[in-house]
Amino acid sequence: DPARLRALVAEVMVRNRRASCGLRFTRRVARNLRVEPRPGEAALYAEVTRVVRGLYAAGEVFRMALQTLQMEIGSSAAAAAPTLRKIPGCAELAARAAAPEAGAKEDRLLDLLAEHGEKAIVFTRFRATQVRLEGRLAGRGIPTALLHAGLRLGDDGPLSRSISHGR
């Protein structure tokens, strides 16, 4: 009975549109910028890509793991380091990836945030990249609040502090 179902749903569900309730969001400004990697970054990326292709062709590692590694190295060297440590013969690459050298993308982000001067949301797929960026931002005195899938509302983290203090 579709009519009865609609009536029941209408009793418990209220749907408002943004226009009808006066809700205004901040205008979103998304920017894609091409950042050239530094020579060391480019060399590391090329070597990891060579390893990924070789292992993929040999069928020695699960293909999904190799795809993830390729995405990690594209995100940041720090994101790829833990995966590289797990692959036999990649200890030297893992050590290079874990080195605390500043990345060109990180530096460009810091420059953009300094130019912008307002709050910003930075999305990244890998937690290691997020943690790395947090450290770089803290080094410049820029406050951060990390949000990721591992946070729970009751945790004493930035999300719970923001909610409990109404920010």
Protein backbone atom coordinates (compact mmCIF):
# COMPACT_ATOMS: atom_id res chain seq x y z
CA ASP A 1 0.00 0.00 0.00
CA PRO A 2 2.17 2.90 -1.28
CA ALA A 3 -0.17 5.61 0.02
CA ARG A 4 -0.11 4.18 3.57
CA LEU A 5 3.69 3.81 3.42
CA ARG A 6 4.07 7.47 2.37
CA ALA A 7 1.82 8.56 5.22
CA LEU A 8 3.84 6.56 7.76
CA VAL A 9 7.16 7.89 6.49
CA ALA A 10 5.82 11.47 6.53
CA GLU A 11 5.05 11.08 10.26
CA VAL A 12 8.70 10.40 11.17
CA MET A 13 10.71 12.06 8.42
CA VAL A 14 10.94 15.77 7.73
CA ARG A 15 12.73 16.93 4.65
CA ASN A 16 13.84 20.51 4.32
CA ARG A 17 15.65 22.05 1.44
CA ARG A 18 18.48 24.50 1.95
CA ALA A 19 16.50 27.28 0.28
CA SER A 20 13.52 26.84 2.61
CA CYS A 21 15.52 26.92 5.86
CA GLY A 22 17.96 29.72 5.04
CA LEU A 23 21.09 27.57 5.29
CA ARG A 24 24.05 29.18 3.55
CA PHE A 25 27.34 27.36 3.00
CA THR A 26 30.67 29.03 2.49
CA ARG A 27 31.50 29.14 -1.20
CA ARG A 28 33.75 26.20 -2.06
CA VAL A 29 36.94 27.01 -3.88
CA ALA A 30 38.60 23.89 -5.27
CA ARG A 31 41.91 24.21 -7.02
CA ASN A 32 44.01 21.68 -8.86
CA LEU A 33 47.61 22.70 -9.23
CA ARG A 34 50.43 20.93 -10.97
CA VAL A 35 53.48 20.72 -8.76
CA GLU A 36 56.75 19.49 -10.20
CA PRO A 37 58.51 17.09 -7.84
CA ARG A 38 62.07 17.74 -6.77
CA PRO A 39 64.71 15.53 -8.42
CA GLY A 40 64.95 13.21 -5.39
CA GLU A 41 61.16 12.85 -5.23
CA ALA A 42 60.93 12.15 -8.96
CA ALA A 43 63.68 9.53 -8.73
CA LEU A 44 62.00 7.79 -5.78
CA TYR A 45 58.65 7.80 -7.60
CA ALA A 46 60.25 6.36 -10.73
CA GLU A 47 62.02 3.61 -8.76
CA VAL A 48 58.87 2.64 -6.86
CA THR A 49 56.95 2.58 -10.14
CA ARG A 50 59.63 0.30 -11.64
CA VAL A 51 59.32 -2.06 -8.64
CA VAL A 52 55.51 -2.02 -8.88
CA ARG A 53 55.62 -2.87 -12.59
CA GLY A 54 58.15 -5.65 -12.05
CA LEU A 55 56.22 -7.26 -9.22
CA TYR A 56 52.97 -6.84 -11.11
CA ALA A 57 54.39 -8.59 -14.18
CA ALA A 58 55.86 -11.38 -12.03
CA GLY A 59 52.59 -11.86 -10.16
CA GLU A 60 54.52 -11.98 -6.88
CA VAL A 61 52.35 -9.57 -4.90
CA PHE A 62 48.61 -9.03 -4.88
CA ARG A 63 47.72 -6.55 -7.58
CA MET A 64 45.57 -4.47 -5.23
CA ALA A 65 48.55 -4.04 -2.88
CA LEU A 66 50.63 -2.80 -5.79
CA GLN A 67 47.92 -0.39 -6.88
CA THR A 68 47.76 0.93 -3.32
CA LEU A 69 51.52 1.37 -3.22
CA GLN A 70 51.39 3.37 -6.46
CA MET A 71 48.67 5.60 -5.01
CA GLU A 72 50.65 6.00 -1.77
CA ILE A 73 53.82 7.15 -3.54
CA GLY A 74 51.69 9.60 -5.52
CA SER A 75 50.31 10.99 -2.26
CA SER A 76 53.59 11.25 -0.36
CA ALA A 77 56.76 9.30 0.25
CA ALA A 78 55.72 8.98 3.90
CA ALA A 79 52.54 7.17 2.84
CA ALA A 80 54.50 4.64 0.76
CA ALA A 81 57.19 3.88 3.36
CA PRO A 82 55.21 1.36 5.49
CA THR A 83 54.15 -0.63 2.42
CA LEU A 84 57.68 -0.63 1.01
CA ARG A 85 58.98 -2.03 4.34
CA LYS A 86 56.74 -5.08 3.84
CA ILE A 87 58.09 -5.92 0.38
CA PRO A 88 61.27 -8.05 0.35
CA GLY A 89 64.15 -6.19 -1.22
CA CYS A 90 62.66 -2.75 -0.80
CA ALA A 91 64.32 -1.76 2.49
CA GLU A 92 66.47 0.91 0.84
CA LEU A 93 63.46 2.44 -0.93
CA ALA A 94 61.50 2.33 2.34
CA ALA A 95 64.30 4.16 4.14
CA ARG A 96 64.41 6.85 1.46
CA ALA A 97 60.63 7.20 1.55
CA ALA A 98 60.66 7.59 5.34
CA ALA A 99 63.36 10.30 5.26
CA PRO A 100 62.09 13.62 6.60
CA GLU A 101 62.82 15.60 3.44
CA ALA A 102 60.26 18.24 2.56
CA GLY A 103 58.17 17.44 -0.49
CA ALA A 104 57.36 19.94 -3.24
CA LYS A 105 53.61 19.39 -2.77
CA GLU A 106 53.90 19.98 0.98
CA ASP A 107 55.80 23.21 0.41
CA ARG A 108 53.28 24.40 -2.18
CA LEU A 109 50.42 23.68 0.24
CA LEU A 110 52.13 25.70 2.96
CA ASP A 111 52.61 28.58 0.52
CA LEU A 112 48.94 28.44 -0.53
CA LEU A 113 47.75 28.47 3.08
CA ALA A 114 50.00 31.45 3.84
CA GLU A 115 48.68 33.29 0.76
CA HIS A 116 45.07 32.45 1.54
CA GLY A 117 45.22 33.39 5.22
CA GLU A 118 41.90 31.72 6.07
CA LYS A 119 40.82 28.32 7.31
CA ALA A 120 41.02 25.56 4.74
CA ILE A 121 40.11 21.91 4.44
CA VAL A 122 42.80 19.69 3.00
CA PHE A 123 41.77 16.23 1.89
CA THR A 124 44.18 13.35 1.64
CA ARG A 125 43.61 9.65 1.23
CA PHE A 126 46.41 8.28 3.39
CA ARG A 127 46.84 8.80 7.12
CA ALA A 128 50.64 8.99 6.86
CA THR A 129 50.31 11.93 4.47
CA GLN A 130 47.87 13.57 6.87
CA VAL A 131 50.21 13.14 9.83
CA ARG A 132 53.13 14.43 7.79
CA LEU A 133 51.16 17.53 6.79
CA GLU A 134 50.09 18.08 10.39
CA GLY A 135 53.74 18.16 11.45
CA ARG A 136 54.69 20.59 8.71
CA LEU A 137 51.75 22.87 9.53
CA ALA A 138 52.57 22.78 13.25
CA GLY A 139 56.15 23.74 12.37
CA ARG A 140 54.76 26.92 10.81
CA GLY A 141 52.45 27.61 13.75
CA ILE A 142 49.32 26.74 11.78
CA PRO A 143 46.74 25.00 14.01
CA THR A 144 45.18 21.81 12.69
CA ALA A 145 42.35 19.44 13.49
CA LEU A 146 42.76 16.00 11.95
CA LEU A 147 39.65 14.10 11.00
CA HIS A 148 39.89 10.50 9.90
CA ALA A 149 37.95 7.27 10.08
CA GLY A 150 39.73 6.18 13.26
CA LEU A 151 38.19 8.99 15.35
CA ARG A 152 35.16 8.45 17.55
CA LEU A 153 32.99 11.13 19.08
CA GLY A 154 34.06 10.22 22.62
CA ASP A 155 37.78 10.42 21.84
CA ASP A 156 39.73 13.31 23.30
CA GLY A 157 40.67 14.53 19.86
CA PRO A 158 40.02 17.66 17.79
CA LEU A 159 36.57 16.50 16.73
CA SER A 160 35.28 15.97 20.27
CA ARG A 161 36.85 19.24 21.50
CA SER A 162 35.30 21.18 18.61
CA ILE A 163 31.88 19.68 19.22
CA SER A 164 31.97 20.07 22.99
CA HIS A 165 33.07 23.71 22.72
CA GLY A 166 30.64 24.58 19.95
CA ARG A 167 33.32 25.35 17.35
